[in-house]
Amino acid sequence: MGTIHIEGMEFYSFHGHYKEEQIVGNKFLVDLILETDMSIPAKTDDLHDAVNYQIAYKLVKREMEKKSKLLENIASRILDAVYAELPGVTKASVTVRKMNPPMGGKMRSVNVTLTQ
């Protein structure tokens, strides 16, 4: 078994509970960790035997383009897409981070992590 880490995927999206967030948008960072059996691709050196992390990125990008009110919803959709479209994944974890959230005080980010 092994893990693939795709860290700091950056998106400008229009997620948020408040109408203003859905109009103005915000910067989001996404980290994705995929657990998979790497024994075969380690020997064959063939992408067809591996979990293709370019496809994983495209799944995340697609889900980040769909508006959501909650980070939990985004993270859940990403995990659903990973399991539907990357059959070699045995475990996945996603962190969705909203930068500079409108919380009434200064903070770098707020994030949600889901593991399945």
Protein backbone atom coordinates (compact mmCIF):
# COMPACT_ATOMS: atom_id res chain seq x y z
CA MET A 1 0.00 0.00 0.00
CA GLY A 2 1.03 3.57 -0.52
CA THR A 3 -0.33 7.09 -0.53
CA ILE A 4 -0.54 9.80 -3.14
CA HIS A 5 -0.60 13.35 -1.75
CA ILE A 6 -1.87 16.16 -3.96
CA GLU A 7 -1.37 19.29 -1.91
CA GLY A 8 -2.32 22.93 -2.27
CA MET A 9 -4.59 22.73 -5.31
CA GLU A 10 -5.74 26.33 -5.64
CA PHE A 11 -9.13 27.44 -6.93
CA TYR A 12 -11.11 30.64 -7.03
CA SER A 13 -14.70 29.59 -6.37
CA PHE A 14 -18.04 31.00 -5.26
CA HIS A 15 -18.86 28.81 -2.26
CA GLY A 16 -20.34 30.10 0.95
CA HIS A 17 -23.41 30.41 3.10
CA TYR A 18 -23.73 34.15 2.56
CA LYS A 19 -24.99 35.61 -0.70
CA GLU A 20 -22.00 37.98 -0.87
CA GLU A 21 -19.61 35.00 -0.84
CA GLN A 22 -21.49 33.46 -3.74
CA ILE A 23 -21.12 36.69 -5.74
CA VAL A 24 -17.60 37.84 -4.84
CA GLY A 25 -15.99 34.42 -4.44
CA ASN A 26 -12.89 33.45 -2.53
CA LYS A 27 -9.66 31.50 -2.80
CA PHE A 28 -9.80 27.84 -1.75
CA LEU A 29 -7.02 25.31 -1.27
CA VAL A 30 -7.63 21.57 -1.50
CA ASP A 31 -5.41 18.71 -0.33
CA LEU A 32 -6.20 15.15 -1.38
CA ILE A 33 -4.65 11.97 0.01
CA LEU A 34 -5.31 8.72 -1.83
CA GLU A 35 -4.38 5.30 -0.46
CA THR A 36 -3.83 2.57 -3.04
CA ASP A 37 -1.91 -0.61 -3.75
CA MET A 38 1.24 0.52 -5.55
CA SER A 39 2.93 -2.88 -5.89
CA ILE A 40 1.95 -3.46 -9.53
CA PRO A 41 2.77 0.04 -10.93
CA ALA A 42 6.01 0.01 -8.94
CA LYS A 43 7.08 -3.02 -10.99
CA THR A 44 5.51 -2.28 -14.39
CA ASP A 45 6.23 1.47 -14.52
CA ASP A 46 2.95 1.78 -16.45
CA LEU A 47 0.41 4.53 -15.76
CA HIS A 48 -2.45 2.17 -16.68
CA ASP A 49 -1.61 0.15 -13.56
CA ALA A 50 -1.60 3.18 -11.25
CA VAL A 51 -4.08 5.65 -9.82
CA ASN A 52 -3.74 8.58 -12.19
CA TYR A 53 -3.40 11.72 -10.09
CA GLN A 54 -4.02 13.95 -13.10
CA ILE A 55 -7.53 12.47 -13.22
CA ALA A 56 -7.82 13.06 -9.46
CA TYR A 57 -6.97 16.74 -9.98
CA LYS A 58 -9.60 17.04 -12.72
CA LEU A 59 -12.23 15.50 -10.39
CA VAL A 60 -11.41 18.05 -7.70
CA LYS A 61 -11.47 20.92 -10.21
CA ARG A 62 -14.86 19.82 -11.54
CA GLU A 63 -16.37 19.67 -8.04
CA MET A 64 -14.86 23.02 -7.07
CA GLU A 65 -16.66 24.62 -10.02
CA LYS A 66 -20.07 23.65 -8.56
CA LYS A 67 -21.43 26.13 -6.01
CA SER A 68 -21.96 24.91 -2.46
CA LYS A 69 -22.91 26.64 0.76
CA LEU A 70 -20.80 24.40 3.01
CA LEU A 71 -17.24 23.08 2.86
CA GLU A 72 -18.57 19.73 4.10
CA ASN A 73 -20.69 19.41 0.96
CA ILE A 74 -17.72 20.12 -1.32
CA ALA A 75 -15.51 17.61 0.50
CA SER A 76 -18.21 14.93 0.36
CA ARG A 77 -18.75 15.43 -3.37
CA ILE A 78 -15.00 15.18 -4.01
CA LEU A 79 -14.79 11.89 -2.13
CA ASP A 80 -17.83 10.52 -3.97
CA ALA A 81 -16.20 11.40 -7.31
CA VAL A 82 -12.88 9.83 -6.29
CA TYR A 83 -14.51 6.52 -5.41
CA ALA A 84 -16.73 6.55 -8.49
CA GLU A 85 -13.95 7.32 -10.97
CA LEU A 86 -10.71 6.01 -9.45
CA PRO A 87 -11.34 2.33 -8.69
CA GLY A 88 -7.85 1.65 -7.30
CA VAL A 89 -8.37 3.96 -4.33
CA THR A 90 -8.93 2.08 -1.06
CA LYS A 91 -9.03 5.09 1.27
CA ALA A 92 -9.18 8.83 0.66
CA SER A 93 -9.00 12.01 2.68
CA VAL A 94 -9.77 15.51 1.45
CA THR A 95 -9.23 18.88 3.10
CA VAL A 96 -11.02 21.92 1.68
CA ARG A 97 -9.66 25.23 2.98
CA LYS A 98 -11.37 28.61 2.57
CA MET A 99 -8.86 31.45 2.72
CA ASN A 100 -9.73 34.67 4.57
CA PRO A 101 -13.25 33.59 5.60
CA PRO A 102 -15.73 36.35 6.53
CA MET A 103 -15.82 35.57 10.26
CA GLY A 104 -15.56 39.07 11.72
CA GLY A 105 -11.90 38.76 12.64
CA LYS A 106 -8.53 38.23 11.03
CA MET A 107 -7.63 34.62 10.24
CA ARG A 108 -5.76 32.81 7.50
CA SER A 109 -8.29 30.08 6.78
CA VAL A 110 -10.93 27.65 7.93
CA ASN A 111 -10.94 24.07 6.72
CA VAL A 112 -12.87 20.83 6.77
CA THR A 113 -11.34 17.37 6.40
CA LEU A 114 -13.32 14.26 5.50
CA THR A 115 -11.93 10.73 5.29
CA GLN A 116 -13.65 7.74 3.78
